Amino acid sequence: MSIKRVLIVDDAAPDRVNLEQIVSDDGLMVSTATNGNEALEKASEDTPDIIFLDILMPGMDGFETCRNLRKNDNTRNIPVVMVSSKANKADRIWAMEQGASGYITKPYTADDIRGVMERFN
């Protein structure tokens, strides 16, 4: 699998823009969403190659969004990497049980993001 399209989901504009900058600097096409419902729509329409998903969002949180992505035939196989300030082991385990493919803790570096993408290339 070669990553060309990335979906970034985060309700906090600075975090979303920072991650978008890292990914677009590598020449990848980026789309963004600010909440879980928007993420589900964009993931189904755009079929990204990987999704970076925040956990703490109003309405549908990242855990529920990930579960819904896994239930949909069009999105179930897209790698979902949780990107969150929640750094405890229980959150990591819960994310994997919801179907996450990876977990990155904020603050992260560009190398952290690139390293995760390399795992799925």
PDB file of N, CA and C in Angstrom:
ATOM      1  N   MET A   1       0.848  -1.184   0.000  1.00  0.00           N
ATOM      2  CA  MET A   1       0.000   0.000   0.000  1.00  0.00           C
ATOM      3  C   MET A   1       0.889   1.241   0.000  1.00  0.00           C
ATOM      4  N   SER A   2       0.574   2.142  -0.852  1.00  0.00           N
ATOM      5  CA  SER A   2       1.313   3.398  -0.927  1.00  0.00           C
ATOM      6  C   SER A   2       0.401   4.529  -0.473  1.00  0.00           C
ATOM      7  N   ILE A   3       0.824   5.261   0.538  1.00  0.00           N
ATOM      8  CA  ILE A   3      -0.007   6.342   1.072  1.00  0.00           C
ATOM      9  C   ILE A   3       0.111   7.569   0.178  1.00  0.00           C
ATOM     10  N   LYS A   4      -1.050   7.999  -0.329  1.00  0.00           N
ATOM     11  CA  LYS A   4      -1.121   9.203  -1.156  1.00  0.00           C
ATOM     12  C   LYS A   4      -2.122  10.200  -0.598  1.00  0.00           C
ATOM     13  N   ARG A   5      -3.193   9.674   0.038  1.00  0.00           N
ATOM     14  CA  ARG A   5      -4.253  10.524   0.569  1.00  0.00           C
ATOM     15  C   ARG A   5      -4.401  10.301   2.072  1.00  0.00           C
ATOM     16  N   VAL A   6      -4.467  11.396   2.799  1.00  0.00           N
ATOM     17  CA  VAL A   6      -4.538  11.351   4.257  1.00  0.00           C
ATOM     18  C   VAL A   6      -5.746  12.158   4.729  1.00  0.00           C
ATOM     19  N   LEU A   7      -6.469  11.602   5.697  1.00  0.00           N
ATOM     20  CA  LEU A   7      -7.554  12.329   6.354  1.00  0.00           C
ATOM     21  C   LEU A   7      -7.105  12.638   7.778  1.00  0.00           C
ATOM     22  N   ILE A   8      -7.171  13.913   8.147  1.00  0.00           N
ATOM     23  CA  ILE A   8      -6.807  14.375   9.485  1.00  0.00           C
ATOM     24  C   ILE A   8      -8.070  14.843  10.181  1.00  0.00           C
ATOM     25  N   VAL A   9      -8.330  14.293  11.373  1.00  0.00           N
ATOM     26  CA  VAL A   9      -9.541  14.623  12.112  1.00  0.00           C
ATOM     27  C   VAL A   9      -9.158  15.155  13.487  1.00  0.00           C
ATOM     28  N   ASP A  10      -9.437  16.429  13.716  1.00  0.00           N
ATOM     29  CA  ASP A  10      -9.144  17.048  15.012  1.00  0.00           C
ATOM     30  C   ASP A  10      -9.986  18.312  15.129  1.00  0.00           C
ATOM     31  N   ASP A  11     -10.618  18.505  16.268  1.00  0.00           N
ATOM     32  CA  ASP A  11     -11.451  19.691  16.460  1.00  0.00           C
ATOM     33  C   ASP A  11     -10.622  20.932  16.785  1.00  0.00           C
ATOM     34  N   ALA A  12      -9.371  20.746  17.210  1.00  0.00           N
ATOM     35  CA  ALA A  12      -8.500  21.883  17.550  1.00  0.00           C
ATOM     36  C   ALA A  12      -7.719  22.321  16.316  1.00  0.00           C
ATOM     37  N   ALA A  13      -8.000  23.526  15.846  1.00  0.00           N
ATOM     38  CA  ALA A  13      -7.376  24.032  14.617  1.00  0.00           C
ATOM     39  C   ALA A  13      -5.844  23.993  14.655  1.00  0.00           C
ATOM     40  N   PRO A  14      -5.178  24.407  15.735  1.00  0.00           N
ATOM     41  CA  PRO A  14      -3.705  24.374  15.725  1.00  0.00           C
ATOM     42  C   PRO A  14      -3.149  22.956  15.536  1.00  0.00           C
ATOM     43  N   ASP A  15      -3.776  21.977  16.189  1.00  0.00           N
ATOM     44  CA  ASP A  15      -3.316  20.592  16.044  1.00  0.00           C
ATOM     45  C   ASP A  15      -3.570  20.075  14.633  1.00  0.00           C
ATOM     46  N   ARG A  16      -4.726  20.401  14.102  1.00  0.00           N
ATOM     47  CA  ARG A  16      -5.097  19.968  12.746  1.00  0.00           C
ATOM     48  C   ARG A  16      -4.144  20.575  11.718  1.00  0.00           C
ATOM     49  N   VAL A  17      -3.875  21.866  11.837  1.00  0.00           N
ATOM     50  CA  VAL A  17      -2.998  22.563  10.892  1.00  0.00           C
ATOM     51  C   VAL A  17      -1.562  22.041  10.997  1.00  0.00           C
ATOM     52  N   ASN A  18      -1.094  21.799  12.212  1.00  0.00           N
ATOM     53  CA  ASN A  18       0.258  21.279  12.403  1.00  0.00           C
ATOM     54  C   ASN A  18       0.423  19.919  11.716  1.00  0.00           C
ATOM     55  N   LEU A  19      -0.505  19.028  11.940  1.00  0.00           N
ATOM     56  CA  LEU A  19      -0.439  17.703  11.327  1.00  0.00           C
ATOM     57  C   LEU A  19      -0.582  17.798   9.810  1.00  0.00           C
ATOM     58  N   GLU A  20      -1.460  18.674   9.351  1.00  0.00           N
ATOM     59  CA  GLU A  20      -1.647  18.881   7.909  1.00  0.00           C
ATOM     60  C   GLU A  20      -0.346  19.371   7.269  1.00  0.00           C
ATOM     61  N   GLN A  21       0.357  20.260   7.934  1.00  0.00           N
ATOM     62  CA  GLN A  21       1.627  20.786   7.410  1.00  0.00           C
ATOM     63  C   GLN A  21       2.666  19.669   7.270  1.00  0.00           C
ATOM     64  N   ILE A  22       2.782  18.826   8.284  1.00  0.00           N
ATOM     65  CA  ILE A  22       3.744  17.720   8.243  1.00  0.00           C
ATOM     66  C   ILE A  22       3.447  16.806   7.064  1.00  0.00           C
ATOM     67  N   VAL A  23       2.200  16.440   6.910  1.00  0.00           N
ATOM     68  CA  VAL A  23       1.809  15.492   5.866  1.00  0.00           C
ATOM     69  C   VAL A  23       1.911  16.117   4.476  1.00  0.00           C
ATOM     70  N   SER A  24       1.473  17.352   4.329  1.00  0.00           N
ATOM     71  CA  SER A  24       1.519  17.986   3.006  1.00  0.00           C
ATOM     72  C   SER A  24       2.952  18.302   2.579  1.00  0.00           C
ATOM     73  N   ASP A  25       3.846  18.529   3.541  1.00  0.00           N
ATOM     74  CA  ASP A  25       5.263  18.741   3.207  1.00  0.00           C
ATOM     75  C   ASP A  25       5.865  17.523   2.514  1.00  0.00           C
ATOM     76  N   ASP A  26       5.266  16.364   2.743  1.00  0.00           N
ATOM     77  CA  ASP A  26       5.729  15.137   2.092  1.00  0.00           C
ATOM     78  C   ASP A  26       5.028  14.897   0.754  1.00  0.00           C
ATOM     79  N   GLY A  27       4.255  15.885   0.290  1.00  0.00           N
ATOM     80  CA  GLY A  27       3.623  15.794  -1.019  1.00  0.00           C
ATOM     81  C   GLY A  27       2.351  14.974  -1.060  1.00  0.00           C
ATOM     82  N   LEU A  28       1.754  14.715   0.084  1.00  0.00           N
ATOM     83  CA  LEU A  28       0.535  13.915   0.121  1.00  0.00           C
ATOM     84  C   LEU A  28      -0.704  14.802   0.047  1.00  0.00           C
ATOM     85  N   MET A  29      -1.777  14.261  -0.498  1.00  0.00           N
ATOM     86  CA  MET A  29      -3.056  14.971  -0.557  1.00  0.00           C
ATOM     87  C   MET A  29      -3.711  14.856   0.816  1.00  0.00           C
ATOM     88  N   VAL A  30      -4.187  15.972   1.334  1.00  0.00           N
ATOM     89  CA  VAL A  30      -4.745  15.996   2.679  1.00  0.00           C
ATOM     90  C   VAL A  30      -6.169  16.535   2.658  1.00  0.00           C
ATOM     91  N   SER A  31      -7.046  15.840   3.370  1.00  0.00           N
ATOM     92  CA  SER A  31      -8.366  16.395   3.649  1.00  0.00           C
ATOM     93  C   SER A  31      -8.511  16.408   5.165  1.00  0.00           C
ATOM     94  N   THR A  32      -9.373  17.284   5.658  1.00  0.00           N
ATOM     95  CA  THR A  32      -9.518  17.426   7.097  1.00  0.00           C
ATOM     96  C   THR A  32     -10.987  17.370   7.504  1.00  0.00           C
ATOM     97  N   ALA A  33     -11.175  17.016   8.774  1.00  0.00           N
ATOM     98  CA  ALA A  33     -12.502  17.020   9.376  1.00  0.00           C
ATOM     99  C   ALA A  33     -12.347  17.526  10.807  1.00  0.00           C
ATOM    100  N   THR A  34     -13.403  18.128  11.329  1.00  0.00           N
ATOM    101  CA  THR A  34     -13.327  18.699  12.670  1.00  0.00           C
ATOM    102  C   THR A  34     -14.123  17.920  13.710  1.00  0.00           C
ATOM    103  N   ASN A  35     -14.811  16.864  13.277  1.00  0.00           N
ATOM    104  CA  ASN A  35     -15.578  16.052  14.230  1.00  0.00           C
ATOM    105  C   ASN A  35     -15.796  14.657  13.658  1.00  0.00           C
ATOM    106  N   GLY A  36     -16.329  13.772  14.491  1.00  0.00           N
ATOM    107  CA  GLY A  36     -16.517  12.387  14.091  1.00  0.00           C
ATOM    108  C   GLY A  36     -17.458  12.191  12.924  1.00  0.00           C
ATOM    109  N   ASN A  37     -18.589  12.890  12.928  1.00  0.00           N
ATOM    110  CA  ASN A  37     -19.550  12.729  11.830  1.00  0.00           C
ATOM    111  C   ASN A  37     -18.950  13.161  10.500  1.00  0.00           C
ATOM    112  N   GLU A  38     -18.264  14.289  10.503  1.00  0.00           N
ATOM    113  CA  GLU A  38     -17.622  14.771   9.286  1.00  0.00           C
ATOM    114  C   GLU A  38     -16.542  13.781   8.835  1.00  0.00           C
ATOM    115  N   ALA A  39     -15.836  13.199   9.786  1.00  0.00           N
ATOM    116  CA  ALA A  39     -14.797  12.215   9.464  1.00  0.00           C
ATOM    117  C   ALA A  39     -15.393  10.991   8.771  1.00  0.00           C
ATOM    118  N   LEU A  40     -16.520  10.515   9.260  1.00  0.00           N
ATOM    119  CA  LEU A  40     -17.158   9.348   8.649  1.00  0.00           C
ATOM    120  C   LEU A  40     -17.576   9.639   7.211  1.00  0.00           C
ATOM    121  N   GLU A  41     -18.132  10.835   6.988  1.00  0.00           N
ATOM    122  CA  GLU A  41     -18.540  11.224   5.635  1.00  0.00           C
ATOM    123  C   GLU A  41     -17.336  11.306   4.696  1.00  0.00           C
ATOM    124  N   LYS A  42     -16.296  12.026   5.138  1.00  0.00           N
ATOM    125  CA  LYS A  42     -15.127  12.212   4.277  1.00  0.00           C
ATOM    126  C   LYS A  42     -14.386  10.906   4.023  1.00  0.00           C
ATOM    127  N   ALA A  43     -14.308  10.068   5.032  1.00  0.00           N
ATOM    128  CA  ALA A  43     -13.625   8.785   4.855  1.00  0.00           C
ATOM    129  C   ALA A  43     -14.356   7.911   3.837  1.00  0.00           C
ATOM    130  N   SER A  44     -15.673   7.938   3.885  1.00  0.00           N
ATOM    131  CA  SER A  44     -16.464   7.141   2.956  1.00  0.00           C
ATOM    132  C   SER A  44     -16.391   7.691   1.528  1.00  0.00           C
ATOM    133  N   GLU A  45     -16.395   9.015   1.401  1.00  0.00           N
ATOM    134  CA  GLU A  45     -16.351   9.652   0.074  1.00  0.00           C
ATOM    135  C   GLU A  45     -14.951   9.635  -0.540  1.00  0.00           C
ATOM    136  N   ASP A  46     -13.944   9.982   0.259  1.00  0.00           N
ATOM    137  CA  ASP A  46     -12.583  10.176  -0.258  1.00  0.00           C
ATOM    138  C   ASP A  46     -11.715   8.917  -0.217  1.00  0.00           C
ATOM    139  N   THR A  47     -12.124   7.926   0.554  1.00  0.00           N
ATOM    140  CA  THR A  47     -11.308   6.733   0.807  1.00  0.00           C
ATOM    141  C   THR A  47      -9.811   7.041   0.942  1.00  0.00           C
ATOM    142  N   PRO A  48      -9.441   7.693   2.056  1.00  0.00           N
ATOM    143  CA  PRO A  48      -8.026   7.994   2.274  1.00  0.00           C
ATOM    144  C   PRO A  48      -7.226   6.717   2.507  1.00  0.00           C
ATOM    145  N   ASP A  49      -5.914   6.823   2.396  1.00  0.00           N
ATOM    146  CA  ASP A  49      -5.037   5.676   2.618  1.00  0.00           C
ATOM    147  C   ASP A  49      -4.698   5.506   4.094  1.00  0.00           C
ATOM    148  N   ILE A  50      -4.868   6.571   4.877  1.00  0.00           N
ATOM    149  CA  ILE A  50      -4.644   6.526   6.319  1.00  0.00           C
ATOM    150  C   ILE A  50      -5.430   7.668   6.952  1.00  0.00           C
ATOM    151  N   ILE A  51      -5.856   7.455   8.201  1.00  0.00           N
ATOM    152  CA  ILE A  51      -6.602   8.477   8.942  1.00  0.00           C
ATOM    153  C   ILE A  51      -5.877   8.739  10.253  1.00  0.00           C
ATOM    154  N   PHE A  52      -5.610  10.021  10.531  1.00  0.00           N
ATOM    155  CA  PHE A  52      -5.094  10.448  11.828  1.00  0.00           C
ATOM    156  C   PHE A  52      -6.281  11.020  12.584  1.00  0.00           C
ATOM    157  N   LEU A  53      -6.613  10.418  13.737  1.00  0.00           N
ATOM    158  CA  LEU A  53      -7.874  10.703  14.422  1.00  0.00           C
ATOM    159  C   LEU A  53      -7.641  11.101  15.877  1.00  0.00           C
ATOM    160  N   ASP A  54      -8.075  12.302  16.217  1.00  0.00           N
ATOM    161  CA  ASP A  54      -8.042  12.769  17.607  1.00  0.00           C
ATOM    162  C   ASP A  54      -9.081  11.990  18.408  1.00  0.00           C
ATOM    163  N   ILE A  55      -8.870  11.880  19.713  1.00  0.00           N
ATOM    164  CA  ILE A  55      -9.839  11.184  20.565  1.00  0.00           C
ATOM    165  C   ILE A  55     -10.829  12.160  21.179  1.00  0.00           C
ATOM    166  N   LEU A  56     -10.320  13.225  21.770  1.00  0.00           N
ATOM    167  CA  LEU A  56     -11.181  14.156  22.503  1.00  0.00           C
ATOM    168  C   LEU A  56     -11.793  15.186  21.557  1.00  0.00           C
ATOM    169  N   MET A  57     -13.035  14.909  21.152  1.00  0.00           N
ATOM    170  CA  MET A  57     -13.777  15.815  20.273  1.00  0.00           C
ATOM    171  C   MET A  57     -15.204  15.903  20.788  1.00  0.00           C
ATOM    172  N   PRO A  58     -15.874  17.045  20.586  1.00  0.00           N
ATOM    173  CA  PRO A  58     -17.270  17.146  21.017  1.00  0.00           C
ATOM    174  C   PRO A  58     -18.158  16.227  20.175  1.00  0.00           C
ATOM    175  N   GLY A  59     -19.243  15.800  20.772  1.00  0.00           N
ATOM    176  CA  GLY A  59     -20.148  14.897  20.059  1.00  0.00           C
ATOM    177  C   GLY A  59     -19.556  13.507  20.026  1.00  0.00           C
ATOM    178  N   MET A  60     -19.331  12.999  18.837  1.00  0.00           N
ATOM    179  CA  MET A  60     -18.754  11.666  18.670  1.00  0.00           C
ATOM    180  C   MET A  60     -17.239  11.732  18.883  1.00  0.00           C
ATOM    181  N   ASP A  61     -16.746  11.049  19.915  1.00  0.00           N
ATOM    182  CA  ASP A  61     -15.305  11.075  20.163  1.00  0.00           C
ATOM    183  C   ASP A  61     -14.567  10.148  19.194  1.00  0.00           C
ATOM    184  N   GLY A  62     -13.267  10.143  19.279  1.00  0.00           N
ATOM    185  CA  GLY A  62     -12.454   9.344  18.360  1.00  0.00           C
ATOM    186  C   GLY A  62     -12.669   7.852  18.505  1.00  0.00           C
ATOM    187  N   PHE A  63     -12.924   7.378  19.720  1.00  0.00           N
ATOM    188  CA  PHE A  63     -13.173   5.954  19.928  1.00  0.00           C
ATOM    189  C   PHE A  63     -14.419   5.505  19.159  1.00  0.00           C
ATOM    190  N   GLU A  64     -15.501   6.261  19.308  1.00  0.00           N
ATOM    191  CA  GLU A  64     -16.745   5.928  18.609  1.00  0.00           C
ATOM    192  C   GLU A  64     -16.572   6.075  17.099  1.00  0.00           C
ATOM    193  N   THR A  65     -15.857   7.102  16.686  1.00  0.00           N
ATOM    194  CA  THR A  65     -15.604   7.297  15.251  1.00  0.00           C
ATOM    195  C   THR A  65     -14.856   6.098  14.688  1.00  0.00           C
ATOM    196  N   CYS A  66     -13.855   5.633  15.404  1.00  0.00           N
ATOM    197  CA  CYS A  66     -13.079   4.485  14.952  1.00  0.00           C
ATOM    198  C   CYS A  66     -13.965   3.239  14.848  1.00  0.00           C
ATOM    199  N   ARG A  67     -14.793   3.010  15.842  1.00  0.00           N
ATOM    200  CA  ARG A  67     -15.716   1.861  15.789  1.00  0.00           C
ATOM    201  C   ARG A  67     -16.604   1.939  14.556  1.00  0.00           C
ATOM    202  N   ASN A  68     -17.118   3.136  14.261  1.00  0.00           N
ATOM    203  CA  ASN A  68     -17.992   3.302  13.092  1.00  0.00           C
ATOM    204  C   ASN A  68     -17.238   3.117  11.785  1.00  0.00           C
ATOM    205  N   LEU A  69     -15.990   3.560  11.735  1.00  0.00           N
ATOM    206  CA  LEU A  69     -15.171   3.341  10.534  1.00  0.00           C
ATOM    207  C   LEU A  69     -14.994   1.852  10.286  1.00  0.00           C
ATOM    208  N   ARG A  70     -14.813   1.084  11.343  1.00  0.00           N
ATOM    209  CA  ARG A  70     -14.610  -0.365  11.222  1.00  0.00           C
ATOM    210  C   ARG A  70     -15.882  -1.100  10.813  1.00  0.00           C
ATOM    211  N   LYS A  71     -17.039  -0.535  11.098  1.00  0.00           N
ATOM    212  CA  LYS A  71     -18.317  -1.170  10.743  1.00  0.00           C
ATOM    213  C   LYS A  71     -18.682  -0.966   9.278  1.00  0.00           C
ATOM    214  N   ASN A  72     -18.109   0.041   8.630  1.00  0.00           N
ATOM    215  CA  ASN A  72     -18.455   0.403   7.256  1.00  0.00           C
ATOM    216  C   ASN A  72     -17.569  -0.362   6.272  1.00  0.00           C
ATOM    217  N   ASP A  73     -18.188  -1.044   5.315  1.00  0.00           N
ATOM    218  CA  ASP A  73     -17.429  -1.818   4.321  1.00  0.00           C
ATOM    219  C   ASP A  73     -16.426  -0.967   3.547  1.00  0.00           C
ATOM    220  N   ASN A  74     -16.755   0.318   3.300  1.00  0.00           N
ATOM    221  CA  ASN A  74     -15.878   1.191   2.516  1.00  0.00           C
ATOM    222  C   ASN A  74     -14.662   1.676   3.301  1.00  0.00           C
ATOM    223  N   THR A  75     -14.742   1.644   4.637  1.00  0.00           N
ATOM    224  CA  THR A  75     -13.662   2.228   5.438  1.00  0.00           C
ATOM    225  C   THR A  75     -13.002   1.251   6.406  1.00  0.00           C
ATOM    226  N   ARG A  76     -13.500   0.050   6.496  1.00  0.00           N
ATOM    227  CA  ARG A  76     -13.023  -0.879   7.529  1.00  0.00           C
ATOM    228  C   ARG A  76     -11.538  -1.207   7.431  1.00  0.00           C
ATOM    229  N   ASN A  77     -10.952  -1.143   6.256  1.00  0.00           N
ATOM    230  CA  ASN A  77      -9.548  -1.528   6.088  1.00  0.00           C
ATOM    231  C   ASN A  77      -8.575  -0.349   6.057  1.00  0.00           C
ATOM    232  N   ILE A  78      -9.066   0.861   6.245  1.00  0.00           N
ATOM    233  CA  ILE A  78      -8.191   2.038   6.264  1.00  0.00           C
ATOM    234  C   ILE A  78      -7.487   2.092   7.619  1.00  0.00           C
ATOM    235  N   PRO A  79      -6.162   2.176   7.648  1.00  0.00           N
ATOM    236  CA  PRO A  79      -5.468   2.312   8.926  1.00  0.00           C
ATOM    237  C   PRO A  79      -5.897   3.602   9.638  1.00  0.00           C
ATOM    238  N   VAL A  80      -6.217   3.475  10.922  1.00  0.00           N
ATOM    239  CA  VAL A  80      -6.612   4.610  11.744  1.00  0.00           C
ATOM    240  C   VAL A  80      -5.582   4.760  12.853  1.00  0.00           C
ATOM    241  N   VAL A  81      -4.927   5.907  12.882  1.00  0.00           N
ATOM    242  CA  VAL A  81      -3.939   6.194  13.910  1.00  0.00           C
ATOM    243  C   VAL A  81      -4.518   7.249  14.839  1.00  0.00           C
ATOM    244  N   MET A  82      -4.678   6.892  16.109  1.00  0.00           N
ATOM    245  CA  MET A  82      -5.165   7.833  17.096  1.00  0.00           C
ATOM    246  C   MET A  82      -4.038   8.799  17.439  1.00  0.00           C
ATOM    247  N   VAL A  83      -4.374  10.082  17.487  1.00  0.00           N
ATOM    248  CA  VAL A  83      -3.412  11.125  17.853  1.00  0.00           C
ATOM    249  C   VAL A  83      -4.048  11.874  19.016  1.00  0.00           C
ATOM    250  N   SER A  84      -3.498  11.703  20.218  1.00  0.00           N
ATOM    251  CA  SER A  84      -4.189  12.235  21.383  1.00  0.00           C
ATOM    252  C   SER A  84      -3.246  12.680  22.487  1.00  0.00           C
ATOM    253  N   SER A  85      -3.745  13.568  23.328  1.00  0.00           N
ATOM    254  CA  SER A  85      -3.019  13.972  24.528  1.00  0.00           C
ATOM    255  C   SER A  85      -3.223  12.946  25.639  1.00  0.00           C
ATOM    256  N   LYS A  86      -4.134  12.014  25.447  1.00  0.00           N
ATOM    257  CA  LYS A  86      -4.382  10.953  26.428  1.00  0.00           C
ATOM    258  C   LYS A  86      -3.229   9.951  26.332  1.00  0.00           C
ATOM    259  N   ALA A  87      -2.370   9.957  27.361  1.00  0.00           N
ATOM    260  CA  ALA A  87      -1.126   9.202  27.276  1.00  0.00           C
ATOM    261  C   ALA A  87      -1.093   7.940  28.137  1.00  0.00           C
ATOM    262  N   ASN A  88      -2.175   7.611  28.814  1.00  0.00           N
ATOM    263  CA  ASN A  88      -2.064   6.439  29.677  1.00  0.00           C
ATOM    264  C   ASN A  88      -2.303   5.138  28.917  1.00  0.00           C
ATOM    265  N   LYS A  89      -1.804   4.073  29.482  1.00  0.00           N
ATOM    266  CA  LYS A  89      -1.836   2.754  28.845  1.00  0.00           C
ATOM    267  C   LYS A  89      -3.269   2.289  28.563  1.00  0.00           C
ATOM    268  N   ALA A  90      -4.187   2.585  29.470  1.00  0.00           N
ATOM    269  CA  ALA A  90      -5.575   2.162  29.292  1.00  0.00           C
ATOM    270  C   ALA A  90      -6.190   2.768  28.030  1.00  0.00           C
ATOM    271  N   ASP A  91      -5.871   4.027  27.738  1.00  0.00           N
ATOM    272  CA  ASP A  91      -6.396   4.666  26.532  1.00  0.00           C
ATOM    273  C   ASP A  91      -5.826   4.017  25.277  1.00  0.00           C
ATOM    274  N   ARG A  92      -4.550   3.680  25.310  1.00  0.00           N
ATOM    275  CA  ARG A  92      -3.927   2.999  24.166  1.00  0.00           C
ATOM    276  C   ARG A  92      -4.593   1.641  23.915  1.00  0.00           C
ATOM    277  N   ILE A  93      -4.773   0.898  24.988  1.00  0.00           N
ATOM    278  CA  ILE A  93      -5.399  -0.426  24.859  1.00  0.00           C
ATOM    279  C   ILE A  93      -6.827  -0.288  24.346  1.00  0.00           C
ATOM    280  N   TRP A  94      -7.586   0.652  24.912  1.00  0.00           N
ATOM    281  CA  TRP A  94      -8.968   0.863  24.482  1.00  0.00           C
ATOM    282  C   TRP A  94      -9.024   1.267  23.008  1.00  0.00           C
ATOM    283  N   ALA A  95      -8.095   2.112  22.575  1.00  0.00           N
ATOM    284  CA  ALA A  95      -8.054   2.529  21.169  1.00  0.00           C
ATOM    285  C   ALA A  95      -7.857   1.318  20.254  1.00  0.00           C
ATOM    286  N   MET A  96      -6.951   0.427  20.627  1.00  0.00           N
ATOM    287  CA  MET A  96      -6.704  -0.764  19.806  1.00  0.00           C
ATOM    288  C   MET A  96      -7.933  -1.675  19.796  1.00  0.00           C
ATOM    289  N   GLU A  97      -8.619  -1.759  20.930  1.00  0.00           N
ATOM    290  CA  GLU A  97      -9.832  -2.581  20.985  1.00  0.00           C
ATOM    291  C   GLU A  97     -10.954  -1.997  20.132  1.00  0.00           C
ATOM    292  N   GLN A  98     -10.900  -0.699  19.862  1.00  0.00           N
ATOM    293  CA  GLN A  98     -11.910  -0.055  19.007  1.00  0.00           C
ATOM    294  C   GLN A  98     -11.556  -0.190  17.528  1.00  0.00           C
ATOM    295  N   GLY A  99     -10.358  -0.703  17.232  1.00  0.00           N
ATOM    296  CA  GLY A  99      -9.957  -0.906  15.845  1.00  0.00           C
ATOM    297  C   GLY A  99      -8.830  -0.020  15.365  1.00  0.00           C
ATOM    298  N   ALA A 100      -8.233   0.768  16.269  1.00  0.00           N
ATOM    299  CA  ALA A 100      -7.120   1.629  15.849  1.00  0.00           C
ATOM    300  C   ALA A 100      -5.925   0.786  15.421  1.00  0.00           C
ATOM    301  N   SER A 101      -5.199   1.306  14.450  1.00  0.00           N
ATOM    302  CA  SER A 101      -4.015   0.623  13.914  1.00  0.00           C
ATOM    303  C   SER A 101      -2.738   1.132  14.558  1.00  0.00           C
ATOM    304  N   GLY A 102      -2.815   2.288  15.225  1.00  0.00           N
ATOM    305  CA  GLY A 102      -1.660   2.887  15.869  1.00  0.00           C
ATOM    306  C   GLY A 102      -2.097   3.988  16.811  1.00  0.00           C
ATOM    307  N   TYR A 103      -1.136   4.497  17.587  1.00  0.00           N
ATOM    308  CA  TYR A 103      -1.444   5.511  18.602  1.00  0.00           C
ATOM    309  C   TYR A 103      -0.235   6.410  18.757  1.00  0.00           C
ATOM    310  N   ILE A 104      -0.435   7.710  18.626  1.00  0.00           N
ATOM    311  CA  ILE A 104       0.619   8.706  18.814  1.00  0.00           C
ATOM    312  C   ILE A 104       0.148   9.684  19.878  1.00  0.00           C
ATOM    313  N   THR A 105       1.040   9.991  20.817  1.00  0.00           N
ATOM    314  CA  THR A 105       0.704  10.914  21.894  1.00  0.00           C
ATOM    315  C   THR A 105       1.184  12.318  21.555  1.00  0.00           C
ATOM    316  N   LYS A 106       0.316  13.297  21.805  1.00  0.00           N
ATOM    317  CA  LYS A 106       0.691  14.706  21.654  1.00  0.00           C
ATOM    318  C   LYS A 106       1.507  15.102  22.873  1.00  0.00           C
ATOM    319  N   PRO A 107       2.508  15.914  22.759  1.00  0.00           N
ATOM    320  CA  PRO A 107       3.023  16.474  21.508  1.00  0.00           C
ATOM    321  C   PRO A 107       3.850  15.431  20.766  1.00  0.00           C
ATOM    322  N   TYR A 108       3.802  15.488  19.462  1.00  0.00           N
ATOM    323  CA  TYR A 108       4.526  14.547  18.611  1.00  0.00           C
ATOM    324  C   TYR A 108       5.487  15.344  17.735  1.00  0.00           C
ATOM    325  N   THR A 109       6.367  14.626  17.069  1.00  0.00           N
ATOM    326  CA  THR A 109       7.286  15.264  16.117  1.00  0.00           C
ATOM    327  C   THR A 109       6.901  14.851  14.705  1.00  0.00           C
ATOM    328  N   ALA A 110       7.440  15.543  13.745  1.00  0.00           N
ATOM    329  CA  ALA A 110       7.212  15.168  12.344  1.00  0.00           C
ATOM    330  C   ALA A 110       7.740  13.757  12.101  1.00  0.00           C
ATOM    331  N   ASP A 111       8.843  13.414  12.745  1.00  0.00           N
ATOM    332  CA  ASP A 111       9.391  12.059  12.591  1.00  0.00           C
ATOM    333  C   ASP A 111       8.454  10.997  13.148  1.00  0.00           C
ATOM    334  N   ASP A 112       7.732  11.311  14.221  1.00  0.00           N
ATOM    335  CA  ASP A 112       6.751  10.366  14.764  1.00  0.00           C
ATOM    336  C   ASP A 112       5.673  10.074  13.724  1.00  0.00           C
ATOM    337  N   ILE A 113       5.177  11.127  13.087  1.00  0.00           N
ATOM    338  CA  ILE A 113       4.114  10.983  12.083  1.00  0.00           C
ATOM    339  C   ILE A 113       4.639  10.211  10.872  1.00  0.00           C
ATOM    340  N   ARG A 114       5.800  10.588  10.396  1.00  0.00           N
ATOM    341  CA  ARG A 114       6.382   9.910   9.234  1.00  0.00           C
ATOM    342  C   ARG A 114       6.675   8.437   9.545  1.00  0.00           C
ATOM    343  N   GLY A 115       7.114   8.158  10.747  1.00  0.00           N
ATOM    344  CA  GLY A 115       7.392   6.782  11.137  1.00  0.00           C
ATOM    345  C   GLY A 115       6.161   5.907  11.099  1.00  0.00           C
ATOM    346  N   VAL A 116       5.041   6.452  11.566  1.00  0.00           N
ATOM    347  CA  VAL A 116       3.795   5.700  11.518  1.00  0.00           C
ATOM    348  C   VAL A 116       3.367   5.476  10.069  1.00  0.00           C
ATOM    349  N   MET A 117       3.485   6.494   9.248  1.00  0.00           N
ATOM    350  CA  MET A 117       3.089   6.345   7.836  1.00  0.00           C
ATOM    351  C   MET A 117       3.954   5.301   7.132  1.00  0.00           C
ATOM    352  N   GLU A 118       5.231   5.252   7.477  1.00  0.00           N
ATOM    353  CA  GLU A 118       6.114   4.254   6.855  1.00  0.00           C
ATOM    354  C   GLU A 118       5.658   2.838   7.177  1.00  0.00           C
ATOM    355  N   ARG A 119       5.082   2.640   8.356  1.00  0.00           N
ATOM    356  CA  ARG A 119       4.583   1.310   8.729  1.00  0.00           C
ATOM    357  C   ARG A 119       3.491   0.828   7.781  1.00  0.00           C
ATOM    358  N   PHE A 120       2.761   1.764   7.192  1.00  0.00           N
ATOM    359  CA  PHE A 120       1.636   1.391   6.339  1.00  0.00           C
ATOM    360  C   PHE A 120       1.919   1.588   4.857  1.00  0.00           C
ATOM    361  N   ASN A 121       3.118   1.953   4.499  1.00  0.00           N
ATOM    362  CA  ASN A 121       3.493   2.120   3.085  1.00  0.00           C
ATOM    363  C   ASN A 121       3.917   0.814   2.475  1.00  0.00           C
TER     364      ASN A 121
END
